[in-house]
Amino acid sequence: MIPIDRPITVLIHADPGLARDSLCSLIASFPYAKIVGVLSLDSELAEEVNDLLPDVVLMDYVTGTGNIELIPALKAVHPDSRFVVVTETMKQKQCAYQYGADDVLLRGCTGQEFTAVFQKYFQHSQAYAATGTASEVNVREVSNESR
């Protein structure tokens, strides 16, 4: 269960570029969310989830990368974390659910669709959001260059 006395923490796993920038902007727009990390390498995903303990892991699924294959093992260790996957096709969406994604969004979804999926995770934070606390973004960038 995600506590209601703090913002929801989100780890974003996506390749650098417009898609990742858009995901970061959307999450940062929620006043009750805190981005705790942004990474692109699949090999770092498990380590970062273990280190940062995010409430939500937002993953951009690209065929052949293997990142969604990590979901079952990560959920076994972190059963309270939620895994939201962004995909390009219905086939990828189905695959993401088979690997245990809690929610899946198709790339190009509207802001309303994105918000609707995340609303259930943020709903418990309405008391926190009502305090007027602005969104806190403390991005920890993880990439080849930083390691």
C-alpha atoms as a PDB file:
ATOM      1  CA  MET A   1       0.000   0.000   0.000  1.00  0.00           C
ATOM      2  CA  ILE A   2       1.316   3.433  -0.923  1.00  0.00           C
ATOM      3  CA  PRO A   3       1.364   5.822   2.076  1.00  0.00           C
ATOM      4  CA  ILE A   4      -0.860   8.892   1.821  1.00  0.00           C
ATOM      5  CA  ASP A   5       1.422  11.260   3.711  1.00  0.00           C
ATOM      6  CA  ARG A   6       3.943  11.748   0.906  1.00  0.00           C
ATOM      7  CA  PRO A   7       4.045  12.114  -2.851  1.00  0.00           C
ATOM      8  CA  ILE A   8       3.969   8.989  -4.981  1.00  0.00           C
ATOM      9  CA  THR A   9       7.455   8.152  -6.221  1.00  0.00           C
ATOM     10  CA  VAL A  10       7.954   7.324  -9.895  1.00  0.00           C
ATOM     11  CA  LEU A  11      10.953   5.758 -11.663  1.00  0.00           C
ATOM     12  CA  ILE A  12      10.942   6.300 -15.431  1.00  0.00           C
ATOM     13  CA  HIS A  13      12.657   3.783 -17.719  1.00  0.00           C
ATOM     14  CA  ALA A  14      12.793   5.084 -21.298  1.00  0.00           C
ATOM     15  CA  ASP A  15      15.343   5.802 -23.980  1.00  0.00           C
ATOM     16  CA  PRO A  16      16.521   9.431 -24.184  1.00  0.00           C
ATOM     17  CA  GLY A  17      14.428  11.587 -26.458  1.00  0.00           C
ATOM     18  CA  LEU A  18      10.984  13.015 -26.939  1.00  0.00           C
ATOM     19  CA  ALA A  19       9.096  10.048 -25.452  1.00  0.00           C
ATOM     20  CA  ARG A  20      11.082  10.199 -22.212  1.00  0.00           C
ATOM     21  CA  ASP A  21      10.811  13.983 -22.049  1.00  0.00           C
ATOM     22  CA  SER A  22       7.039  13.716 -22.501  1.00  0.00           C
ATOM     23  CA  LEU A  23       6.706  11.069 -19.775  1.00  0.00           C
ATOM     24  CA  CYS A  24       8.762  13.199 -17.381  1.00  0.00           C
ATOM     25  CA  SER A  25       6.653  16.288 -18.136  1.00  0.00           C
ATOM     26  CA  LEU A  26       3.380  14.442 -17.635  1.00  0.00           C
ATOM     27  CA  ILE A  27       4.438  12.948 -14.294  1.00  0.00           C
ATOM     28  CA  ALA A  28       5.911  16.261 -13.126  1.00  0.00           C
ATOM     29  CA  SER A  29       2.564  17.931 -13.811  1.00  0.00           C
ATOM     30  CA  PHE A  30       0.920  15.907 -11.041  1.00  0.00           C
ATOM     31  CA  PRO A  31       1.271  17.860  -7.762  1.00  0.00           C
ATOM     32  CA  TYR A  32       1.388  14.623  -5.756  1.00  0.00           C
ATOM     33  CA  ALA A  33       4.116  12.839  -7.707  1.00  0.00           C
ATOM     34  CA  LYS A  34       7.874  12.862  -7.350  1.00  0.00           C
ATOM     35  CA  ILE A  35      10.169  11.541 -10.068  1.00  0.00           C
ATOM     36  CA  VAL A  36      12.961   9.754  -8.215  1.00  0.00           C
ATOM     37  CA  GLY A  37      14.906   8.517 -11.212  1.00  0.00           C
ATOM     38  CA  VAL A  38      15.166   8.357 -14.966  1.00  0.00           C
ATOM     39  CA  LEU A  39      17.165   5.661 -16.712  1.00  0.00           C
ATOM     40  CA  SER A  40      17.552   4.070 -20.104  1.00  0.00           C
ATOM     41  CA  LEU A  41      19.583   0.889 -19.680  1.00  0.00           C
ATOM     42  CA  ASP A  42      17.708  -2.374 -19.049  1.00  0.00           C
ATOM     43  CA  SER A  43      20.724  -3.665 -17.134  1.00  0.00           C
ATOM     44  CA  GLU A  44      20.242  -0.923 -14.519  1.00  0.00           C
ATOM     45  CA  LEU A  45      16.498  -1.327 -14.002  1.00  0.00           C
ATOM     46  CA  ALA A  46      16.578  -3.945 -11.225  1.00  0.00           C
ATOM     47  CA  GLU A  47      19.341  -2.116  -9.355  1.00  0.00           C
ATOM     48  CA  GLU A  48      17.500   1.201  -9.507  1.00  0.00           C
ATOM     49  CA  VAL A  49      14.162  -0.312  -8.409  1.00  0.00           C
ATOM     50  CA  ASN A  50      15.954  -1.989  -5.479  1.00  0.00           C
ATOM     51  CA  ASP A  51      17.780   1.231  -4.591  1.00  0.00           C
ATOM     52  CA  LEU A  52      14.989   3.786  -5.082  1.00  0.00           C
ATOM     53  CA  LEU A  53      11.946   1.664  -4.098  1.00  0.00           C
ATOM     54  CA  PRO A  54       9.527   3.575  -6.332  1.00  0.00           C
ATOM     55  CA  ASP A  55       5.781   3.300  -5.938  1.00  0.00           C
ATOM     56  CA  VAL A  56       5.377   3.275  -9.730  1.00  0.00           C
ATOM     57  CA  VAL A  57       7.798   2.147 -12.436  1.00  0.00           C
ATOM     58  CA  LEU A  58       6.882   3.733 -15.764  1.00  0.00           C
ATOM     59  CA  MET A  59       8.473   1.774 -18.615  1.00  0.00           C
ATOM     60  CA  ASP A  60       8.636   2.564 -22.314  1.00  0.00           C
ATOM     61  CA  TYR A  61       8.617  -0.863 -23.980  1.00  0.00           C
ATOM     62  CA  VAL A  62      10.650  -1.270 -27.138  1.00  0.00           C
ATOM     63  CA  THR A  63      10.574  -4.703 -28.798  1.00  0.00           C
ATOM     64  CA  GLY A  64      13.744  -6.658 -28.244  1.00  0.00           C
ATOM     65  CA  THR A  65      14.987  -4.746 -25.218  1.00  0.00           C
ATOM     66  CA  GLY A  66      13.861  -7.255 -22.615  1.00  0.00           C
ATOM     67  CA  ASN A  67      12.828  -4.686 -20.031  1.00  0.00           C
ATOM     68  CA  ILE A  68       9.328  -6.105 -19.546  1.00  0.00           C
ATOM     69  CA  GLU A  69      10.809  -9.537 -18.942  1.00  0.00           C
ATOM     70  CA  LEU A  70      12.151  -8.157 -15.668  1.00  0.00           C
ATOM     71  CA  ILE A  71       8.691  -7.320 -14.300  1.00  0.00           C
ATOM     72  CA  PRO A  72       7.898 -10.716 -12.695  1.00  0.00           C
ATOM     73  CA  ALA A  73      11.179 -10.829 -10.753  1.00  0.00           C
ATOM     74  CA  LEU A  74      10.852  -7.185  -9.681  1.00  0.00           C
ATOM     75  CA  LYS A  75       7.250  -7.685  -8.547  1.00  0.00           C
ATOM     76  CA  ALA A  76       8.324 -10.735  -6.524  1.00  0.00           C
ATOM     77  CA  VAL A  77      10.770  -8.577  -4.553  1.00  0.00           C
ATOM     78  CA  HIS A  78       8.662  -5.372  -4.584  1.00  0.00           C
ATOM     79  CA  PRO A  79       5.004  -6.454  -4.521  1.00  0.00           C
ATOM     80  CA  ASP A  80       3.802  -2.945  -3.640  1.00  0.00           C
ATOM     81  CA  SER A  81       5.398  -1.319  -6.690  1.00  0.00           C
ATOM     82  CA  ARG A  82       3.161  -0.826  -9.713  1.00  0.00           C
ATOM     83  CA  PHE A  83       4.472  -1.302 -13.252  1.00  0.00           C
ATOM     84  CA  VAL A  84       2.992   0.832 -16.018  1.00  0.00           C
ATOM     85  CA  VAL A  85       4.202   0.138 -19.549  1.00  0.00           C
ATOM     86  CA  VAL A  86       3.933   2.339 -22.643  1.00  0.00           C
ATOM     87  CA  THR A  87       3.841   0.329 -25.896  1.00  0.00           C
ATOM     88  CA  GLU A  88       3.471   0.930 -29.608  1.00  0.00           C
ATOM     89  CA  THR A  89       1.199  -1.924 -30.689  1.00  0.00           C
ATOM     90  CA  MET A  90      -1.648  -4.034 -29.364  1.00  0.00           C
ATOM     91  CA  LYS A  91       0.614  -7.101 -29.586  1.00  0.00           C
ATOM     92  CA  GLN A  92       3.174  -5.366 -27.319  1.00  0.00           C
ATOM     93  CA  LYS A  93       0.359  -4.335 -24.983  1.00  0.00           C
ATOM     94  CA  GLN A  94      -0.765  -7.953 -24.678  1.00  0.00           C
ATOM     95  CA  CYS A  95       2.837  -9.066 -24.105  1.00  0.00           C
ATOM     96  CA  ALA A  96       3.324  -6.465 -21.361  1.00  0.00           C
ATOM     97  CA  TYR A  97       0.237  -7.734 -19.539  1.00  0.00           C
ATOM     98  CA  GLN A  98       1.496 -11.309 -19.871  1.00  0.00           C
ATOM     99  CA  TYR A  99       4.697 -10.276 -18.109  1.00  0.00           C
ATOM    100  CA  GLY A 100       2.726  -8.720 -15.267  1.00  0.00           C
ATOM    101  CA  ALA A 101       2.326  -5.039 -16.109  1.00  0.00           C
ATOM    102  CA  ASP A 102      -0.321  -3.460 -13.882  1.00  0.00           C
ATOM    103  CA  ASP A 103      -1.380  -1.060 -16.634  1.00  0.00           C
ATOM    104  CA  VAL A 104      -0.420  -0.530 -20.258  1.00  0.00           C
ATOM    105  CA  LEU A 105      -0.805   2.593 -22.382  1.00  0.00           C
ATOM    106  CA  LEU A 106      -0.403   2.814 -26.140  1.00  0.00           C
ATOM    107  CA  ARG A 107       2.119   5.372 -27.372  1.00  0.00           C
ATOM    108  CA  GLY A 108       0.257   8.429 -28.595  1.00  0.00           C
ATOM    109  CA  CYS A 109      -2.474   8.154 -25.971  1.00  0.00           C
ATOM    110  CA  THR A 110      -4.103  11.398 -24.908  1.00  0.00           C
ATOM    111  CA  GLY A 111      -3.199  13.219 -21.729  1.00  0.00           C
ATOM    112  CA  GLN A 112      -6.636  12.250 -20.438  1.00  0.00           C
ATOM    113  CA  GLU A 113      -5.954   8.551 -21.015  1.00  0.00           C
ATOM    114  CA  PHE A 114      -2.580   8.854 -19.296  1.00  0.00           C
ATOM    115  CA  THR A 115      -4.129  10.673 -16.355  1.00  0.00           C
ATOM    116  CA  ALA A 116      -6.941   8.112 -16.055  1.00  0.00           C
ATOM    117  CA  VAL A 117      -4.457   5.256 -15.661  1.00  0.00           C
ATOM    118  CA  PHE A 118      -2.397   7.107 -13.081  1.00  0.00           C
ATOM    119  CA  GLN A 119      -5.396   8.534 -11.246  1.00  0.00           C
ATOM    120  CA  LYS A 120      -5.933   5.282  -9.360  1.00  0.00           C
ATOM    121  CA  TYR A 121      -2.372   5.421  -8.028  1.00  0.00           C
ATOM    122  CA  PHE A 122      -2.645   9.093  -7.174  1.00  0.00           C
ATOM    123  CA  GLN A 123      -6.169   8.941  -5.780  1.00  0.00           C
ATOM    124  CA  HIS A 124      -4.955   7.993  -2.336  1.00  0.00           C
ATOM    125  CA  SER A 125      -2.842  11.152  -2.326  1.00  0.00           C
ATOM    126  CA  GLN A 126      -5.735  13.565  -2.600  1.00  0.00           C
ATOM    127  CA  ALA A 127      -5.160  14.641   0.996  1.00  0.00           C
ATOM    128  CA  TYR A 128      -1.514  15.274   0.166  1.00  0.00           C
ATOM    129  CA  ALA A 129      -2.445  17.121  -3.036  1.00  0.00           C
ATOM    130  CA  ALA A 130      -4.956  19.269  -1.152  1.00  0.00           C
ATOM    131  CA  THR A 131      -2.124  20.759   0.884  1.00  0.00           C
ATOM    132  CA  GLY A 132      -1.131  22.732  -2.197  1.00  0.00           C
ATOM    133  CA  THR A 133       2.349  21.256  -2.259  1.00  0.00           C
ATOM    134  CA  ALA A 134       3.828  21.730  -5.726  1.00  0.00           C
ATOM    135  CA  SER A 135       5.185  18.832  -7.684  1.00  0.00           C
ATOM    136  CA  GLU A 136       8.689  17.951  -6.577  1.00  0.00           C
ATOM    137  CA  VAL A 137      10.982  16.739  -9.286  1.00  0.00           C
ATOM    138  CA  ASN A 138      14.294  15.319  -8.168  1.00  0.00           C
ATOM    139  CA  VAL A 139      15.469  13.450 -11.198  1.00  0.00           C
ATOM    140  CA  ARG A 140      18.340  11.043 -10.837  1.00  0.00           C
ATOM    141  CA  GLU A 141      19.668  10.529 -14.330  1.00  0.00           C
ATOM    142  CA  VAL A 142      21.198   7.119 -14.921  1.00  0.00           C
ATOM    143  CA  SER A 143      22.975   6.503 -18.205  1.00  0.00           C
ATOM    144  CA  ASN A 144      26.073   5.002 -19.741  1.00  0.00           C
ATOM    145  CA  GLU A 145      27.935   8.247 -19.217  1.00  0.00           C
ATOM    146  CA  SER A 146      27.189   8.476 -15.499  1.00  0.00           C
ATOM    147  CA  ARG A 147      28.448   5.016 -14.625  1.00  0.00           C
END
